[in-house]
Amino acid sequence: MTHVDITMIFGKDEMAKKEFAKNVQNFLADELGIDKSFVSVSIEDILKEKWQEHIENMNDKVMFIKP
């Protein structure tokens, strides 16, 4: 199983987020050579004004690419 947790600045509507999540799911399934039923995607909206604070509070997560 693979799960991707995406954090993005607030502003995208639910339809856009679902489409984005589906694209991420399809990409990862293809890239990893697994069925897409084994890939889940969640999206968390953060206000732009709170972005830096949110990133700084992600101490328990390993970021392979940092902003």
C-alpha atoms as a PDB file:
ATOM      1  CA  MET A   1       0.000   0.000   0.000  1.00  0.00           C
ATOM      2  CA  THR A   2       1.088   3.533  -0.725  1.00  0.00           C
ATOM      3  CA  HIS A   3      -0.394   6.720   0.725  1.00  0.00           C
ATOM      4  CA  VAL A   4       0.429  10.265  -0.302  1.00  0.00           C
ATOM      5  CA  ASP A   5      -0.507  13.182   1.956  1.00  0.00           C
ATOM      6  CA  ILE A   6      -0.573  16.431  -0.004  1.00  0.00           C
ATOM      7  CA  THR A   7      -0.622  19.835   1.656  1.00  0.00           C
ATOM      8  CA  MET A   8      -1.581  22.764  -0.555  1.00  0.00           C
ATOM      9  CA  ILE A   9      -2.546  26.371  -0.190  1.00  0.00           C
ATOM     10  CA  PHE A  10      -6.295  26.774   0.214  1.00  0.00           C
ATOM     11  CA  GLY A  11      -8.233  27.782  -2.873  1.00  0.00           C
ATOM     12  CA  LYS A  12      -8.837  24.750  -5.089  1.00  0.00           C
ATOM     13  CA  ASP A  13     -12.418  23.472  -5.228  1.00  0.00           C
ATOM     14  CA  GLU A  14     -13.336  19.870  -4.413  1.00  0.00           C
ATOM     15  CA  MET A  15     -13.605  18.868  -8.087  1.00  0.00           C
ATOM     16  CA  ALA A  16     -10.083  20.168  -8.838  1.00  0.00           C
ATOM     17  CA  LYS A  17      -8.667  18.381  -5.780  1.00  0.00           C
ATOM     18  CA  LYS A  18     -10.341  15.089  -6.734  1.00  0.00           C
ATOM     19  CA  GLU A  19      -8.962  15.357 -10.277  1.00  0.00           C
ATOM     20  CA  PHE A  20      -5.480  16.157  -8.937  1.00  0.00           C
ATOM     21  CA  ALA A  21      -5.631  13.250  -6.470  1.00  0.00           C
ATOM     22  CA  LYS A  22      -6.735  10.879  -9.241  1.00  0.00           C
ATOM     23  CA  ASN A  23      -3.808  12.017 -11.419  1.00  0.00           C
ATOM     24  CA  VAL A  24      -1.375  11.457  -8.538  1.00  0.00           C
ATOM     25  CA  GLN A  25      -2.879   8.009  -7.898  1.00  0.00           C
ATOM     26  CA  ASN A  26      -2.563   7.013 -11.556  1.00  0.00           C
ATOM     27  CA  PHE A  27       1.009   8.316 -11.795  1.00  0.00           C
ATOM     28  CA  LEU A  28       2.172   6.504  -8.666  1.00  0.00           C
ATOM     29  CA  ALA A  29       0.488   3.250  -9.634  1.00  0.00           C
ATOM     30  CA  ASP A  30       2.202   3.373 -13.037  1.00  0.00           C
ATOM     31  CA  GLU A  31       5.550   4.451 -11.591  1.00  0.00           C
ATOM     32  CA  LEU A  32       5.528   1.778  -8.877  1.00  0.00           C
ATOM     33  CA  GLY A  33       4.033  -0.926 -11.080  1.00  0.00           C
ATOM     34  CA  ILE A  34       1.103  -1.577  -8.736  1.00  0.00           C
ATOM     35  CA  ASP A  35      -2.657  -1.532  -9.077  1.00  0.00           C
ATOM     36  CA  LYS A  36      -4.142   1.886  -8.365  1.00  0.00           C
ATOM     37  CA  SER A  37      -6.415   0.325  -5.729  1.00  0.00           C
ATOM     38  CA  PHE A  38      -3.263   0.149  -3.568  1.00  0.00           C
ATOM     39  CA  VAL A  39      -2.667   3.930  -3.760  1.00  0.00           C
ATOM     40  CA  SER A  40      -4.547   6.421  -1.582  1.00  0.00           C
ATOM     41  CA  VAL A  41      -4.237  10.209  -1.635  1.00  0.00           C
ATOM     42  CA  SER A  42      -5.297  12.822   0.923  1.00  0.00           C
ATOM     43  CA  ILE A  43      -5.204  16.594   0.543  1.00  0.00           C
ATOM     44  CA  GLU A  44      -4.992  19.142   3.358  1.00  0.00           C
ATOM     45  CA  ASP A  45      -5.709  22.810   2.686  1.00  0.00           C
ATOM     46  CA  ILE A  46      -3.621  25.443   4.480  1.00  0.00           C
ATOM     47  CA  LEU A  47      -4.206  29.184   4.392  1.00  0.00           C
ATOM     48  CA  LYS A  48      -1.400  31.023   2.601  1.00  0.00           C
ATOM     49  CA  GLU A  49      -0.746  33.112   5.716  1.00  0.00           C
ATOM     50  CA  LYS A  50      -0.192  29.914   7.761  1.00  0.00           C
ATOM     51  CA  TRP A  51       2.006  28.098   5.206  1.00  0.00           C
ATOM     52  CA  GLN A  52       5.399  28.809   6.771  1.00  0.00           C
ATOM     53  CA  GLU A  53       4.151  27.953  10.253  1.00  0.00           C
ATOM     54  CA  HIS A  54       2.675  24.695   8.955  1.00  0.00           C
ATOM     55  CA  ILE A  55       5.927  23.690   7.238  1.00  0.00           C
ATOM     56  CA  GLU A  56       7.949  24.494  10.359  1.00  0.00           C
ATOM     57  CA  ASN A  57       5.632  22.266  12.431  1.00  0.00           C
ATOM     58  CA  MET A  58       6.216  19.226  10.212  1.00  0.00           C
ATOM     59  CA  ASN A  59       9.235  18.159  12.275  1.00  0.00           C
ATOM     60  CA  ASP A  60       8.110  14.539  12.459  1.00  0.00           C
ATOM     61  CA  LYS A  61       7.970  14.123   8.676  1.00  0.00           C
ATOM     62  CA  VAL A  62      10.941  13.483   6.426  1.00  0.00           C
ATOM     63  CA  MET A  63      10.854  15.883   3.483  1.00  0.00           C
ATOM     64  CA  PHE A  64      12.915  14.705   0.546  1.00  0.00           C
ATOM     65  CA  ILE A  65      12.240  17.960  -1.300  1.00  0.00           C
ATOM     66  CA  LYS A  66      11.879  21.061   0.853  1.00  0.00           C
ATOM     67  CA  PRO A  67      10.272  24.347  -0.192  1.00  0.00           C
END
